[in-house]
């Protein structure tokens, strides 16, 4: 199982767009989870919007701002890959802690 973190030090550079489109492409051949660790919650907004217009996403999504949850991503054996959509600035670095370094 792979964990892919989409990171950048600035907001508005397309991390959520990359995360969602990468998940859609990968889901054609794999079971994918997109983990939204950004307190802004853009990934979850996209997922809810898709559900509202009756377009079910071909992958799973989950919000979490708990750094401890990130440490245990590799134990989620039901997924082939997990894509982590990270916060849009360094001011939210406490959400990440050092977790991504240890994944």
C-alpha atoms as a PDB file:
ATOM      1  CA  UNK A   1       0.000   0.000   0.000  1.00  0.00           C
ATOM      2  CA  UNK A   2       1.265   3.454  -0.900  1.00  0.00           C
ATOM      3  CA  UNK A   3       0.739   6.779   0.857  1.00  0.00           C
ATOM      4  CA  UNK A   4       0.998   9.857  -1.358  1.00  0.00           C
ATOM      5  CA  UNK A   5       1.072  13.271   0.313  1.00  0.00           C
ATOM      6  CA  UNK A   6       0.187  16.275  -1.838  1.00  0.00           C
ATOM      7  CA  UNK A   7       2.049  19.140  -0.178  1.00  0.00           C
ATOM      8  CA  UNK A   8       2.897  22.770  -0.721  1.00  0.00           C
ATOM      9  CA  UNK A   9       3.706  25.736   1.502  1.00  0.00           C
ATOM     10  CA  UNK A  10       1.102  28.023  -0.016  1.00  0.00           C
ATOM     11  CA  UNK A  11      -2.649  27.898  -0.321  1.00  0.00           C
ATOM     12  CA  UNK A  12      -4.395  28.032  -3.677  1.00  0.00           C
ATOM     13  CA  UNK A  13      -1.787  26.117  -5.672  1.00  0.00           C
ATOM     14  CA  UNK A  14      -4.023  23.171  -6.540  1.00  0.00           C
ATOM     15  CA  UNK A  15      -3.271  20.539  -3.880  1.00  0.00           C
ATOM     16  CA  UNK A  16      -6.922  19.540  -3.590  1.00  0.00           C
ATOM     17  CA  UNK A  17      -7.379  19.505  -7.365  1.00  0.00           C
ATOM     18  CA  UNK A  18      -4.318  17.293  -7.747  1.00  0.00           C
ATOM     19  CA  UNK A  19      -5.448  15.009  -4.905  1.00  0.00           C
ATOM     20  CA  UNK A  20      -8.965  14.532  -6.263  1.00  0.00           C
ATOM     21  CA  UNK A  21      -7.917  14.057  -9.895  1.00  0.00           C
ATOM     22  CA  UNK A  22      -5.100  11.686  -8.975  1.00  0.00           C
ATOM     23  CA  UNK A  23      -7.550   9.664  -6.871  1.00  0.00           C
ATOM     24  CA  UNK A  24     -10.056   9.542  -9.736  1.00  0.00           C
ATOM     25  CA  UNK A  25      -7.410   8.331 -12.190  1.00  0.00           C
ATOM     26  CA  UNK A  26      -5.957   5.768  -9.790  1.00  0.00           C
ATOM     27  CA  UNK A  27      -9.398   4.471  -8.778  1.00  0.00           C
ATOM     28  CA  UNK A  28      -9.868   2.960 -12.240  1.00  0.00           C
ATOM     29  CA  UNK A  29      -7.511   0.162 -11.182  1.00  0.00           C
ATOM     30  CA  UNK A  30      -7.108   0.501  -7.399  1.00  0.00           C
ATOM     31  CA  UNK A  31      -9.052   1.038  -4.177  1.00  0.00           C
ATOM     32  CA  UNK A  32      -8.220   4.604  -3.092  1.00  0.00           C
ATOM     33  CA  UNK A  33      -8.780   6.729   0.015  1.00  0.00           C
ATOM     34  CA  UNK A  34      -8.287  10.503   0.011  1.00  0.00           C
ATOM     35  CA  UNK A  35      -7.530  11.747   3.524  1.00  0.00           C
ATOM     36  CA  UNK A  36      -8.339  15.435   4.026  1.00  0.00           C
ATOM     37  CA  UNK A  37      -6.073  16.767   6.774  1.00  0.00           C
ATOM     38  CA  UNK A  38      -6.577  20.408   5.807  1.00  0.00           C
ATOM     39  CA  UNK A  39      -8.704  22.232   8.417  1.00  0.00           C
ATOM     40  CA  UNK A  40     -10.244  24.170   5.505  1.00  0.00           C
ATOM     41  CA  UNK A  41     -11.830  20.890   4.366  1.00  0.00           C
ATOM     42  CA  UNK A  42     -11.800  21.434   0.599  1.00  0.00           C
ATOM     43  CA  UNK A  43     -11.583  17.722  -0.209  1.00  0.00           C
ATOM     44  CA  UNK A  44     -14.643  16.985   1.898  1.00  0.00           C
ATOM     45  CA  UNK A  45     -16.489  19.921   0.283  1.00  0.00           C
ATOM     46  CA  UNK A  46     -15.752  18.469  -3.174  1.00  0.00           C
ATOM     47  CA  UNK A  47     -16.936  15.036  -2.028  1.00  0.00           C
ATOM     48  CA  UNK A  48     -20.170  16.409  -0.556  1.00  0.00           C
ATOM     49  CA  UNK A  49     -20.823  18.465  -3.686  1.00  0.00           C
ATOM     50  CA  UNK A  50     -20.379  15.377  -5.877  1.00  0.00           C
ATOM     51  CA  UNK A  51     -22.855  13.471  -3.691  1.00  0.00           C
ATOM     52  CA  UNK A  52     -25.348  16.355  -3.934  1.00  0.00           C
ATOM     53  CA  UNK A  53     -25.413  16.198  -7.729  1.00  0.00           C
ATOM     54  CA  UNK A  54     -25.727  12.407  -7.737  1.00  0.00           C
ATOM     55  CA  UNK A  55     -22.185  11.814  -8.970  1.00  0.00           C
ATOM     56  CA  UNK A  56     -20.760   9.284  -6.559  1.00  0.00           C
ATOM     57  CA  UNK A  57     -16.997   9.474  -6.311  1.00  0.00           C
ATOM     58  CA  UNK A  58     -15.113   6.336  -7.390  1.00  0.00           C
ATOM     59  CA  UNK A  59     -12.946   6.506  -4.240  1.00  0.00           C
ATOM     60  CA  UNK A  60     -13.397   7.007  -0.504  1.00  0.00           C
ATOM     61  CA  UNK A  61     -12.770  10.228   1.404  1.00  0.00           C
ATOM     62  CA  UNK A  62     -12.182  10.889   5.081  1.00  0.00           C
ATOM     63  CA  UNK A  63     -11.433  14.014   7.105  1.00  0.00           C
ATOM     64  CA  UNK A  64      -8.929  14.008   9.940  1.00  0.00           C
ATOM     65  CA  UNK A  65      -6.957  16.754  11.639  1.00  0.00           C
ATOM     66  CA  UNK A  66      -5.554  14.324  14.204  1.00  0.00           C
ATOM     67  CA  UNK A  67      -1.798  13.787  13.640  1.00  0.00           C
ATOM     68  CA  UNK A  68      -2.095  10.415  15.386  1.00  0.00           C
ATOM     69  CA  UNK A  69      -4.441   9.184  12.632  1.00  0.00           C
ATOM     70  CA  UNK A  70      -1.769   9.882  10.023  1.00  0.00           C
ATOM     71  CA  UNK A  71       0.702   7.638  11.822  1.00  0.00           C
ATOM     72  CA  UNK A  72      -1.615   4.672  11.300  1.00  0.00           C
ATOM     73  CA  UNK A  73      -2.480   5.073   7.620  1.00  0.00           C
ATOM     74  CA  UNK A  74      -0.393   2.095   6.529  1.00  0.00           C
ATOM     75  CA  UNK A  75      -2.511  -0.158   8.736  1.00  0.00           C
ATOM     76  CA  UNK A  76      -5.545   0.496   6.495  1.00  0.00           C
ATOM     77  CA  UNK A  77      -5.022  -2.655   4.452  1.00  0.00           C
ATOM     78  CA  UNK A  78      -8.275  -2.383   2.496  1.00  0.00           C
ATOM     79  CA  UNK A  79      -6.772   0.374   0.291  1.00  0.00           C
ATOM     80  CA  UNK A  80      -4.166   0.096  -2.437  1.00  0.00           C
ATOM     81  CA  UNK A  81      -3.192   3.743  -1.940  1.00  0.00           C
ATOM     82  CA  UNK A  82      -4.026   6.675   0.310  1.00  0.00           C
ATOM     83  CA  UNK A  83      -3.683  10.233  -0.941  1.00  0.00           C
ATOM     84  CA  UNK A  84      -3.253  12.869   1.771  1.00  0.00           C
ATOM     85  CA  UNK A  85      -4.454  16.396   0.936  1.00  0.00           C
ATOM     86  CA  UNK A  86      -2.419  18.610   3.278  1.00  0.00           C
ATOM     87  CA  UNK A  87      -3.023  22.119   4.694  1.00  0.00           C
ATOM     88  CA  UNK A  88      -2.450  25.139   2.506  1.00  0.00           C
ATOM     89  CA  UNK A  89       0.043  26.886   4.749  1.00  0.00           C
ATOM     90  CA  UNK A  90       2.672  26.262   7.348  1.00  0.00           C
ATOM     91  CA  UNK A  91       0.477  27.836  10.018  1.00  0.00           C
ATOM     92  CA  UNK A  92      -1.465  24.532  10.118  1.00  0.00           C
ATOM     93  CA  UNK A  93       1.687  22.436  10.541  1.00  0.00           C
ATOM     94  CA  UNK A  94       0.457  21.147  13.910  1.00  0.00           C
ATOM     95  CA  UNK A  95      -2.083  19.031  11.997  1.00  0.00           C
ATOM     96  CA  UNK A  96       0.784  17.230  10.299  1.00  0.00           C
ATOM     97  CA  UNK A  97       3.174  17.149  13.244  1.00  0.00           C
ATOM     98  CA  UNK A  98       6.011  14.919  12.157  1.00  0.00           C
ATOM     99  CA  UNK A  99       3.570  12.225  11.065  1.00  0.00           C
ATOM    100  CA  UNK A 100       4.227  12.345   7.337  1.00  0.00           C
ATOM    101  CA  UNK A 101       7.926  11.859   7.919  1.00  0.00           C
ATOM    102  CA  UNK A 102       7.218   8.564   9.697  1.00  0.00           C
ATOM    103  CA  UNK A 103       4.629   7.100   7.305  1.00  0.00           C
END
